[in-house]
N, C-alpha and C. Protein backbone atom coordinates (compact mmCIF):
# COMPACT_ATOMS: atom_id res chain seq x y z
N MET A 1 8.11 0.87 -10.26
CA MET A 1 8.15 -0.44 -9.62
C MET A 1 6.78 -0.73 -9.01
N GLU A 2 6.25 -1.92 -9.29
CA GLU A 2 4.96 -2.30 -8.72
C GLU A 2 5.20 -2.76 -7.29
N GLN A 3 4.41 -2.24 -6.37
CA GLN A 3 4.58 -2.60 -4.97
C GLN A 3 3.46 -3.52 -4.54
N LYS A 4 3.82 -4.68 -4.01
CA LYS A 4 2.86 -5.62 -3.46
C LYS A 4 2.96 -5.49 -1.95
N THR A 5 1.96 -4.93 -1.35
CA THR A 5 1.96 -4.72 0.08
C THR A 5 1.15 -5.80 0.76
N VAL A 6 1.16 -5.78 2.08
CA VAL A 6 0.37 -6.72 2.86
C VAL A 6 -1.09 -6.62 2.44
N ASP A 7 -1.58 -5.41 2.16
CA ASP A 7 -2.98 -5.23 1.79
C ASP A 7 -3.30 -5.95 0.48
N ASN A 8 -2.43 -5.80 -0.54
CA ASN A 8 -2.65 -6.50 -1.82
C ASN A 8 -2.68 -8.01 -1.62
N ILE A 9 -1.74 -8.51 -0.87
CA ILE A 9 -1.62 -9.95 -0.65
C ILE A 9 -2.80 -10.45 0.19
N SER A 10 -3.19 -9.67 1.19
CA SER A 10 -4.32 -10.05 2.05
C SER A 10 -5.59 -10.23 1.23
N LYS A 11 -5.83 -9.32 0.32
CA LYS A 11 -7.02 -9.42 -0.54
C LYS A 11 -6.96 -10.66 -1.42
N GLU A 12 -5.77 -10.97 -1.93
CA GLU A 12 -5.61 -12.14 -2.78
C GLU A 12 -5.82 -13.43 -1.98
N ILE A 13 -5.34 -13.47 -0.74
CA ILE A 13 -5.53 -14.65 0.12
C ILE A 13 -7.02 -14.87 0.35
N ARG A 14 -7.73 -13.81 0.72
CA ARG A 14 -9.18 -13.92 0.97
C ARG A 14 -9.91 -14.39 -0.28
N LYS A 15 -9.57 -13.80 -1.42
CA LYS A 15 -10.20 -14.16 -2.68
C LYS A 15 -10.00 -15.65 -2.98
N ARG A 16 -8.76 -16.11 -2.84
CA ARG A 16 -8.45 -17.52 -3.13
C ARG A 16 -9.15 -18.46 -2.15
N ARG A 17 -9.22 -18.07 -0.88
CA ARG A 17 -9.88 -18.91 0.12
C ARG A 17 -11.38 -19.03 -0.19
N LEU A 18 -12.01 -17.91 -0.52
CA LEU A 18 -13.43 -17.92 -0.83
C LEU A 18 -13.72 -18.69 -2.12
N GLU A 19 -12.82 -18.60 -3.10
CA GLU A 19 -12.98 -19.38 -4.34
C GLU A 19 -13.02 -20.88 -4.06
N LYS A 20 -12.31 -21.30 -3.02
CA LYS A 20 -12.26 -22.71 -2.66
C LYS A 20 -13.34 -23.07 -1.64
N ASN A 21 -14.24 -22.11 -1.33
CA ASN A 21 -15.29 -22.33 -0.32
C ASN A 21 -14.71 -22.85 0.99
N MET A 22 -13.58 -22.29 1.38
CA MET A 22 -12.88 -22.71 2.59
C MET A 22 -13.14 -21.68 3.69
N THR A 23 -13.44 -22.17 4.89
CA THR A 23 -13.62 -21.27 6.03
C THR A 23 -12.25 -20.93 6.62
N LEU A 24 -12.23 -19.88 7.44
CA LEU A 24 -10.98 -19.55 8.14
C LEU A 24 -10.56 -20.69 9.05
N LYS A 25 -11.54 -21.38 9.64
CA LYS A 25 -11.22 -22.51 10.52
C LYS A 25 -10.53 -23.62 9.73
N GLU A 26 -11.03 -23.90 8.53
CA GLU A 26 -10.40 -24.93 7.69
C GLU A 26 -8.99 -24.52 7.28
N LEU A 27 -8.82 -23.25 6.93
CA LEU A 27 -7.50 -22.76 6.57
C LEU A 27 -6.56 -22.84 7.78
N SER A 28 -7.09 -22.54 8.94
CA SER A 28 -6.31 -22.62 10.18
C SER A 28 -5.82 -24.04 10.42
N GLU A 29 -6.70 -25.02 10.21
CA GLU A 29 -6.33 -26.42 10.42
C GLU A 29 -5.25 -26.87 9.45
N LYS A 30 -5.29 -26.35 8.23
CA LYS A 30 -4.30 -26.74 7.22
C LYS A 30 -2.95 -26.04 7.41
N THR A 31 -2.96 -24.88 8.04
CA THR A 31 -1.72 -24.10 8.18
C THR A 31 -1.11 -24.14 9.57
N ASN A 32 -1.88 -24.59 10.55
CA ASN A 32 -1.47 -24.50 11.96
C ASN A 32 -1.29 -23.05 12.41
N LEU A 33 -1.99 -22.14 11.74
CA LEU A 33 -2.02 -20.73 12.14
C LEU A 33 -3.41 -20.47 12.74
N SER A 34 -3.49 -19.64 13.74
CA SER A 34 -4.78 -19.43 14.42
C SER A 34 -5.79 -18.73 13.52
N VAL A 35 -7.06 -18.98 13.80
CA VAL A 35 -8.15 -18.34 13.06
C VAL A 35 -8.05 -16.82 13.21
N SER A 36 -7.76 -16.35 14.42
CA SER A 36 -7.68 -14.90 14.63
C SER A 36 -6.53 -14.29 13.84
N PHE A 37 -5.39 -14.98 13.78
CA PHE A 37 -4.26 -14.48 12.99
C PHE A 37 -4.64 -14.42 11.51
N LEU A 38 -5.24 -15.49 11.00
CA LEU A 38 -5.63 -15.54 9.59
C LEU A 38 -6.66 -14.46 9.26
N SER A 39 -7.58 -14.22 10.19
CA SER A 39 -8.57 -13.15 9.99
C SER A 39 -7.88 -11.80 9.89
N GLN A 40 -6.91 -11.58 10.77
CA GLN A 40 -6.15 -10.32 10.73
C GLN A 40 -5.32 -10.21 9.46
N VAL A 41 -4.76 -11.33 9.00
CA VAL A 41 -4.00 -11.34 7.75
C VAL A 41 -4.91 -10.92 6.60
N GLU A 42 -6.09 -11.50 6.53
CA GLU A 42 -7.02 -11.19 5.43
C GLU A 42 -7.49 -9.74 5.46
N ARG A 43 -7.48 -9.15 6.64
CA ARG A 43 -7.88 -7.74 6.75
C ARG A 43 -6.69 -6.79 6.64
N GLY A 44 -5.49 -7.37 6.50
CA GLY A 44 -4.29 -6.57 6.31
C GLY A 44 -3.81 -5.87 7.56
N ILE A 45 -4.20 -6.39 8.73
CA ILE A 45 -3.80 -5.72 9.97
C ILE A 45 -2.80 -6.53 10.79
N SER A 46 -2.38 -7.67 10.28
CA SER A 46 -1.39 -8.47 10.98
C SER A 46 -0.16 -8.64 10.10
N SER A 47 0.99 -8.70 10.73
CA SER A 47 2.22 -8.91 9.98
C SER A 47 2.34 -10.37 9.58
N MET A 48 2.97 -10.60 8.43
CA MET A 48 3.21 -11.95 7.93
C MET A 48 4.70 -12.11 7.68
N THR A 49 5.11 -13.35 7.72
CA THR A 49 6.46 -13.67 7.29
C THR A 49 6.35 -14.49 6.00
N ILE A 50 7.45 -14.66 5.32
CA ILE A 50 7.47 -15.52 4.14
C ILE A 50 7.02 -16.92 4.53
N VAL A 51 7.40 -17.37 5.74
CA VAL A 51 7.05 -18.71 6.20
C VAL A 51 5.54 -18.86 6.32
N SER A 52 4.87 -17.90 6.99
CA SER A 52 3.41 -18.00 7.13
C SER A 52 2.72 -17.83 5.79
N LEU A 53 3.23 -16.96 4.94
CA LEU A 53 2.66 -16.77 3.61
C LEU A 53 2.79 -18.04 2.78
N LYS A 54 3.93 -18.70 2.86
CA LYS A 54 4.13 -19.95 2.14
C LYS A 54 3.19 -21.03 2.66
N SER A 55 2.99 -21.09 3.96
CA SER A 55 2.09 -22.06 4.56
C SER A 55 0.65 -21.84 4.08
N ILE A 56 0.24 -20.58 3.99
CA ILE A 56 -1.10 -20.25 3.49
C ILE A 56 -1.23 -20.64 2.02
N ALA A 57 -0.21 -20.34 1.23
CA ALA A 57 -0.22 -20.70 -0.19
C ALA A 57 -0.36 -22.21 -0.35
N ASN A 58 0.40 -22.97 0.41
CA ASN A 58 0.32 -24.43 0.34
C ASN A 58 -1.08 -24.93 0.69
N ALA A 59 -1.67 -24.37 1.74
CA ALA A 59 -3.01 -24.78 2.17
C ALA A 59 -4.07 -24.45 1.12
N LEU A 60 -3.84 -23.39 0.35
CA LEU A 60 -4.78 -22.99 -0.69
C LEU A 60 -4.47 -23.67 -2.03
N ASP A 61 -3.45 -24.52 -2.04
CA ASP A 61 -3.01 -25.22 -3.25
C ASP A 61 -2.63 -24.26 -4.37
N VAL A 62 -1.92 -23.19 -4.00
CA VAL A 62 -1.41 -22.24 -4.98
C VAL A 62 0.06 -22.00 -4.65
N SER A 63 0.79 -21.45 -5.59
CA SER A 63 2.18 -21.13 -5.31
C SER A 63 2.24 -19.76 -4.64
N LEU A 64 3.33 -19.50 -3.97
CA LEU A 64 3.54 -18.19 -3.38
C LEU A 64 3.46 -17.13 -4.46
N ARG A 65 3.98 -17.47 -5.62
CA ARG A 65 3.94 -16.57 -6.78
C ARG A 65 2.49 -16.18 -7.11
N ASP A 66 1.54 -17.14 -6.98
CA ASP A 66 0.13 -16.86 -7.29
C ASP A 66 -0.46 -15.80 -6.36
N LEU A 67 0.01 -15.76 -5.12
CA LEU A 67 -0.50 -14.76 -4.18
C LEU A 67 0.15 -13.40 -4.37
N VAL A 68 1.34 -13.40 -4.94
CA VAL A 68 2.11 -12.17 -5.04
C VAL A 68 2.09 -11.57 -6.44
N ASP A 69 2.09 -12.43 -7.45
CA ASP A 69 2.27 -11.96 -8.83
C ASP A 69 1.28 -12.67 -9.74
N VAL A 70 0.29 -11.95 -10.23
CA VAL A 70 -0.73 -12.57 -11.08
C VAL A 70 -0.39 -12.47 -12.56
N ASP A 71 0.70 -11.84 -12.91
CA ASP A 71 1.11 -11.69 -14.31
C ASP A 71 1.97 -12.90 -14.70
N ASP A 72 1.50 -13.69 -15.65
CA ASP A 72 2.21 -14.90 -16.05
C ASP A 72 3.04 -14.73 -17.32
N LYS A 73 3.23 -13.51 -17.79
CA LYS A 73 3.98 -13.30 -19.04
C LYS A 73 5.45 -13.68 -18.86
N THR A 74 5.98 -14.37 -19.88
CA THR A 74 7.40 -14.72 -19.89
C THR A 74 8.22 -13.45 -20.10
N SER A 75 9.30 -13.32 -19.34
CA SER A 75 10.18 -12.17 -19.48
C SER A 75 11.57 -12.57 -19.00
N PHE A 76 12.55 -12.43 -19.87
CA PHE A 76 13.93 -12.73 -19.48
C PHE A 76 14.61 -11.53 -18.85
N VAL A 77 14.10 -10.35 -19.12
CA VAL A 77 14.65 -9.11 -18.57
C VAL A 77 13.67 -8.58 -17.53
N ASN A 78 14.22 -8.12 -16.44
CA ASN A 78 13.38 -7.57 -15.37
C ASN A 78 13.74 -6.09 -15.21
N LYS A 79 13.10 -5.24 -16.00
CA LYS A 79 13.37 -3.80 -15.96
C LYS A 79 12.92 -3.22 -14.62
N LYS A 80 13.57 -2.16 -14.23
CA LYS A 80 13.30 -1.52 -12.94
C LYS A 80 11.82 -1.22 -12.75
N ASP A 81 11.14 -0.76 -13.81
CA ASP A 81 9.73 -0.41 -13.71
C ASP A 81 8.82 -1.61 -13.50
N ASN A 82 9.28 -2.82 -13.84
CA ASN A 82 8.45 -4.01 -13.73
C ASN A 82 8.79 -4.88 -12.53
N GLN A 83 9.78 -4.50 -11.75
CA GLN A 83 10.16 -5.30 -10.60
C GLN A 83 9.05 -5.25 -9.56
N ILE A 84 8.87 -6.36 -8.88
CA ILE A 84 7.84 -6.43 -7.84
C ILE A 84 8.50 -6.25 -6.48
N LEU A 85 8.00 -5.29 -5.74
CA LEU A 85 8.45 -5.03 -4.38
C LEU A 85 7.43 -5.66 -3.44
N LEU A 86 7.87 -6.59 -2.63
CA LEU A 86 7.01 -7.27 -1.67
C LEU A 86 7.43 -6.86 -0.27
N ARG A 87 6.50 -6.27 0.45
CA ARG A 87 6.77 -5.88 1.84
C ARG A 87 5.93 -6.73 2.77
N LEU A 88 6.60 -7.35 3.73
CA LEU A 88 5.91 -8.13 4.75
C LEU A 88 6.38 -7.61 6.11
N GLU A 89 5.83 -8.22 7.16
CA GLU A 89 6.23 -7.82 8.52
C GLU A 89 6.07 -6.32 8.72
N LYS A 90 4.96 -5.77 8.26
CA LYS A 90 4.69 -4.34 8.41
C LYS A 90 5.88 -3.49 7.98
N SER A 91 6.49 -3.87 6.87
CA SER A 91 7.56 -3.12 6.20
C SER A 91 8.91 -3.18 6.90
N PHE A 92 9.12 -4.11 7.82
CA PHE A 92 10.44 -4.26 8.43
C PHE A 92 11.40 -4.93 7.46
N ILE A 93 10.84 -5.67 6.52
CA ILE A 93 11.66 -6.37 5.54
C ILE A 93 10.96 -6.27 4.19
N SER A 94 11.74 -6.06 3.14
CA SER A 94 11.15 -6.02 1.80
C SER A 94 11.97 -6.87 0.86
N TYR A 95 11.30 -7.35 -0.18
CA TYR A 95 11.93 -8.21 -1.17
C TYR A 95 11.62 -7.64 -2.55
N ILE A 96 12.62 -7.49 -3.38
CA ILE A 96 12.41 -7.10 -4.77
C ILE A 96 12.85 -8.28 -5.63
N ARG A 97 11.92 -8.83 -6.39
CA ARG A 97 12.27 -9.96 -7.26
C ARG A 97 13.11 -9.43 -8.42
N LEU A 98 14.30 -10.00 -8.60
CA LEU A 98 15.22 -9.59 -9.65
C LEU A 98 15.21 -10.56 -10.82
N SER A 99 14.70 -11.75 -10.61
CA SER A 99 14.72 -12.81 -11.62
C SER A 99 13.81 -12.50 -12.79
N GLY A 100 14.11 -13.11 -13.91
CA GLY A 100 13.20 -13.10 -15.05
C GLY A 100 12.03 -14.02 -14.72
N LYS A 101 11.09 -14.11 -15.69
CA LYS A 101 9.93 -14.97 -15.48
C LYS A 101 9.79 -15.90 -16.68
N PHE A 102 9.96 -17.19 -16.42
CA PHE A 102 9.74 -18.19 -17.46
C PHE A 102 9.47 -19.52 -16.78
N GLU A 103 8.82 -20.40 -17.51
CA GLU A 103 8.42 -21.68 -16.98
C GLU A 103 9.63 -22.52 -16.57
N ASN A 104 9.49 -23.19 -15.44
CA ASN A 104 10.48 -24.14 -14.91
C ASN A 104 11.81 -23.52 -14.50
N ARG A 105 11.84 -22.22 -14.19
CA ARG A 105 13.10 -21.66 -13.72
C ARG A 105 13.40 -22.21 -12.33
N LYS A 106 14.67 -22.30 -12.00
CA LYS A 106 15.10 -22.94 -10.75
C LYS A 106 15.62 -21.94 -9.72
N LEU A 107 16.11 -20.79 -10.18
CA LEU A 107 16.72 -19.80 -9.28
C LEU A 107 15.81 -18.61 -9.06
N GLU A 108 15.88 -18.05 -7.87
CA GLU A 108 15.13 -16.84 -7.54
C GLU A 108 16.13 -15.80 -7.06
N GLY A 109 16.30 -14.74 -7.84
CA GLY A 109 17.16 -13.63 -7.44
C GLY A 109 16.31 -12.58 -6.74
N VAL A 110 16.73 -12.18 -5.55
CA VAL A 110 15.94 -11.26 -4.73
C VAL A 110 16.87 -10.24 -4.07
N LEU A 111 16.46 -8.99 -4.07
CA LEU A 111 17.14 -7.97 -3.28
C LEU A 111 16.38 -7.86 -1.97
N VAL A 112 17.04 -8.18 -0.87
CA VAL A 112 16.41 -8.19 0.46
C VAL A 112 16.88 -6.97 1.23
N THR A 113 15.94 -6.23 1.79
CA THR A 113 16.26 -5.07 2.61
C THR A 113 15.58 -5.24 3.97
N MET A 114 16.38 -5.14 5.04
CA MET A 114 15.85 -5.23 6.41
C MET A 114 16.08 -3.91 7.12
N LYS A 115 15.06 -3.48 7.82
CA LYS A 115 15.17 -2.27 8.63
C LYS A 115 16.18 -2.50 9.76
N PRO A 116 16.71 -1.43 10.32
CA PRO A 116 17.64 -1.56 11.45
C PRO A 116 17.03 -2.33 12.62
N ASN A 117 17.86 -3.07 13.32
CA ASN A 117 17.48 -3.81 14.53
C ASN A 117 16.30 -4.74 14.32
N PHE A 118 16.27 -5.44 13.19
CA PHE A 118 15.18 -6.38 12.89
C PHE A 118 15.59 -7.79 13.29
N TYR A 119 14.75 -8.42 14.09
CA TYR A 119 14.99 -9.78 14.56
C TYR A 119 13.88 -10.68 14.07
N GLU A 120 14.20 -11.56 13.14
CA GLU A 120 13.24 -12.53 12.63
C GLU A 120 12.92 -13.48 13.79
N SER A 121 11.65 -13.62 14.12
CA SER A 121 11.30 -14.41 15.31
C SER A 121 11.27 -15.91 15.05
N GLU A 122 10.89 -16.32 13.85
CA GLU A 122 10.75 -17.75 13.62
C GLU A 122 11.80 -18.29 12.66
N GLU A 123 12.28 -19.48 13.00
CA GLU A 123 13.18 -20.18 12.08
C GLU A 123 12.34 -20.88 11.03
N THR A 124 12.95 -21.14 9.90
CA THR A 124 12.27 -21.86 8.84
C THR A 124 13.21 -22.90 8.26
N SER A 125 12.65 -23.86 7.58
CA SER A 125 13.45 -24.81 6.81
C SER A 125 12.58 -25.29 5.66
N HIS A 126 13.21 -25.56 4.54
CA HIS A 126 12.50 -25.98 3.33
C HIS A 126 13.51 -26.56 2.36
N GLU A 127 13.05 -27.18 1.31
CA GLU A 127 13.94 -27.72 0.30
C GLU A 127 14.72 -26.59 -0.36
N GLY A 128 15.90 -26.87 -0.86
CA GLY A 128 16.65 -25.90 -1.64
C GLY A 128 17.89 -25.37 -0.98
N GLU A 129 18.37 -24.25 -1.53
CA GLU A 129 19.57 -23.58 -1.05
C GLU A 129 19.32 -22.08 -0.98
N GLU A 130 20.10 -21.39 -0.15
CA GLU A 130 20.04 -19.93 -0.06
C GLU A 130 21.46 -19.38 -0.11
N PHE A 131 21.64 -18.36 -0.91
CA PHE A 131 22.92 -17.67 -1.05
C PHE A 131 22.66 -16.19 -0.83
N TYR A 132 23.49 -15.55 -0.01
CA TYR A 132 23.35 -14.12 0.27
C TYR A 132 24.69 -13.43 0.09
N TYR A 133 24.65 -12.26 -0.52
CA TYR A 133 25.81 -11.38 -0.65
C TYR A 133 25.41 -10.06 0.01
N VAL A 134 26.11 -9.68 1.08
CA VAL A 134 25.77 -8.46 1.82
C VAL A 134 26.30 -7.25 1.07
N LEU A 135 25.38 -6.39 0.63
CA LEU A 135 25.74 -5.17 -0.09
C LEU A 135 25.94 -4.00 0.85
N LYS A 136 25.18 -3.98 1.95
CA LYS A 136 25.25 -2.87 2.90
C LYS A 136 24.87 -3.37 4.28
N GLY A 137 25.68 -3.06 5.28
CA GLY A 137 25.37 -3.44 6.65
C GLY A 137 26.03 -4.74 7.06
N SER A 138 25.44 -5.36 8.05
CA SER A 138 25.96 -6.61 8.61
C SER A 138 24.79 -7.47 9.05
N ALA A 139 24.85 -8.75 8.76
CA ALA A 139 23.76 -9.68 9.09
C ALA A 139 24.26 -10.77 10.02
N VAL A 140 23.36 -11.25 10.85
CA VAL A 140 23.63 -12.43 11.65
C VAL A 140 22.70 -13.52 11.12
N PHE A 141 23.31 -14.59 10.62
CA PHE A 141 22.56 -15.75 10.16
C PHE A 141 22.66 -16.80 11.25
N ILE A 142 21.53 -17.37 11.61
CA ILE A 142 21.52 -18.50 12.53
C ILE A 142 21.07 -19.70 11.72
N VAL A 143 22.00 -20.62 11.51
CA VAL A 143 21.75 -21.80 10.68
C VAL A 143 22.07 -23.04 11.49
N ASP A 144 21.05 -23.86 11.69
CA ASP A 144 21.20 -25.10 12.45
C ASP A 144 21.83 -24.85 13.83
N GLY A 145 21.40 -23.75 14.45
CA GLY A 145 21.86 -23.41 15.80
C GLY A 145 23.18 -22.66 15.87
N ALA A 146 23.92 -22.58 14.78
CA ALA A 146 25.20 -21.86 14.77
C ALA A 146 24.98 -20.43 14.27
N GLU A 147 25.72 -19.49 14.84
CA GLU A 147 25.59 -18.07 14.50
C GLU A 147 26.75 -17.63 13.62
N TYR A 148 26.41 -16.94 12.51
CA TYR A 148 27.42 -16.46 11.58
C TYR A 148 27.20 -14.96 11.36
N ILE A 149 28.25 -14.16 11.56
CA ILE A 149 28.17 -12.72 11.31
C ILE A 149 28.79 -12.46 9.94
N ILE A 150 27.99 -11.90 9.04
CA ILE A 150 28.41 -11.66 7.66
C ILE A 150 28.33 -10.17 7.40
N SER A 151 29.43 -9.57 6.99
CA SER A 151 29.51 -8.13 6.77
C SER A 151 29.52 -7.79 5.29
N GLU A 152 29.46 -6.50 5.01
CA GLU A 152 29.47 -5.98 3.65
C GLU A 152 30.57 -6.63 2.81
N GLY A 153 30.21 -7.13 1.62
CA GLY A 153 31.17 -7.76 0.72
C GLY A 153 31.38 -9.24 0.99
N GLU A 154 30.74 -9.78 2.02
CA GLU A 154 30.88 -11.20 2.36
C GLU A 154 29.62 -11.97 1.97
N THR A 155 29.76 -13.30 1.91
CA THR A 155 28.64 -14.13 1.48
C THR A 155 28.31 -15.22 2.50
N MET A 156 27.10 -15.73 2.35
CA MET A 156 26.61 -16.86 3.15
C MET A 156 25.87 -17.77 2.20
N HIS A 157 26.11 -19.09 2.27
CA HIS A 157 25.46 -20.05 1.39
C HIS A 157 25.23 -21.32 2.19
N TYR A 158 23.98 -21.78 2.25
CA TYR A 158 23.65 -22.96 3.05
C TYR A 158 22.45 -23.70 2.48
N PRO A 159 22.31 -24.98 2.85
CA PRO A 159 21.13 -25.72 2.44
C PRO A 159 19.92 -25.26 3.26
N SER A 160 18.83 -24.97 2.59
CA SER A 160 17.64 -24.44 3.27
C SER A 160 16.94 -25.49 4.11
N THR A 161 17.35 -26.74 3.99
CA THR A 161 16.75 -27.80 4.79
C THR A 161 17.12 -27.66 6.27
N LEU A 162 18.19 -26.91 6.56
CA LEU A 162 18.59 -26.66 7.94
C LEU A 162 17.75 -25.52 8.51
N PRO A 163 17.35 -25.59 9.79
CA PRO A 163 16.60 -24.48 10.38
C PRO A 163 17.45 -23.21 10.31
N HIS A 164 16.82 -22.09 9.89
CA HIS A 164 17.58 -20.86 9.71
C HIS A 164 16.72 -19.62 9.88
N LYS A 165 17.39 -18.53 10.23
CA LYS A 165 16.77 -17.21 10.27
C LYS A 165 17.87 -16.16 10.16
N THR A 166 17.45 -14.93 9.85
CA THR A 166 18.39 -13.83 9.65
C THR A 166 18.02 -12.67 10.56
N ILE A 167 19.05 -12.01 11.08
CA ILE A 167 18.86 -10.90 12.00
C ILE A 167 19.70 -9.71 11.52
N ASN A 168 19.14 -8.51 11.64
CA ASN A 168 19.91 -7.29 11.40
C ASN A 168 20.09 -6.60 12.75
N PRO A 169 21.23 -6.82 13.42
CA PRO A 169 21.44 -6.25 14.75
C PRO A 169 21.93 -4.80 14.73
N GLU A 170 22.18 -4.29 13.54
CA GLU A 170 22.78 -2.96 13.39
C GLU A 170 21.75 -1.84 13.43
N ASP A 171 22.23 -0.63 13.65
CA ASP A 171 21.39 0.57 13.63
C ASP A 171 21.24 1.14 12.23
N GLN A 172 21.65 0.37 11.22
CA GLN A 172 21.51 0.80 9.83
C GLN A 172 20.78 -0.29 9.04
N GLU A 173 20.25 0.11 7.91
CA GLU A 173 19.55 -0.81 7.02
C GLU A 173 20.51 -1.89 6.51
N LEU A 174 20.01 -3.09 6.35
CA LEU A 174 20.77 -4.22 5.80
C LEU A 174 20.24 -4.50 4.40
N VAL A 175 21.13 -4.54 3.41
CA VAL A 175 20.74 -4.82 2.03
C VAL A 175 21.57 -6.00 1.54
N MET A 176 20.87 -7.01 1.00
CA MET A 176 21.56 -8.22 0.54
C MET A 176 21.00 -8.68 -0.81
N LEU A 177 21.88 -9.18 -1.66
CA LEU A 177 21.46 -9.87 -2.87
C LEU A 177 21.32 -11.34 -2.46
N SER A 178 20.19 -11.93 -2.81
CA SER A 178 19.95 -13.32 -2.44
C SER A 178 19.59 -14.13 -3.68
N ILE A 179 20.14 -15.33 -3.75
CA ILE A 179 19.78 -16.30 -4.79
C ILE A 179 19.25 -17.52 -4.04
N ILE A 180 18.00 -17.88 -4.34
CA ILE A 180 17.32 -18.94 -3.58
C ILE A 180 16.80 -20.00 -4.54
N THR A 181 16.84 -21.25 -4.10
CA THR A 181 16.11 -22.31 -4.78
C THR A 181 15.23 -22.99 -3.72
N PRO A 182 14.07 -23.45 -4.03
CA PRO A 182 13.37 -23.25 -5.30
C PRO A 182 12.82 -21.84 -5.39
N THR A 183 12.24 -21.51 -6.52
CA THR A 183 11.69 -20.17 -6.72
C THR A 183 10.53 -19.94 -5.75
N ILE A 184 10.36 -18.70 -5.31
CA ILE A 184 9.27 -18.38 -4.40
C ILE A 184 8.29 -17.39 -4.99
N PHE A 185 8.73 -16.54 -5.92
CA PHE A 185 7.83 -15.56 -6.53
C PHE A 185 7.52 -15.98 -7.94
């Protein structure tokens, strides 16, 4: 399995920013993220969330997929050896892309793993939908201010346009199958 770590992504962000002759200050203005945070991101010493990574991708006029996966080959099968493991937040949460790769796909299948006692600090909202099936552990979803406790074998499905975040309050790892629209990787 190919692992995309913060360091790999950080190098790609810096490369893309420099290709556009963009300063950290300009990137900061486009993302509403501080220059010091962005500098730490580029050096691989600061944690990122999918939200901040998506904001950076948008500011650089690239897709999140461009920062994470540079292989554009079409593939309907995603063999274990070719799956991309993305770790953010200093490895508190990881994502394994399960989807195939082809032009104009609408769904993103992801295996999400959260370390014990992980609390996502920021809410996010975006176009699309999110579906989760808890394989192991128990999750707390906060969607539009309401709290939902979802346990092993249960599901959660909501429009991503509502503010949302996920928490793993347990002392064990949380593993979930997620189907998201639009695609992120």
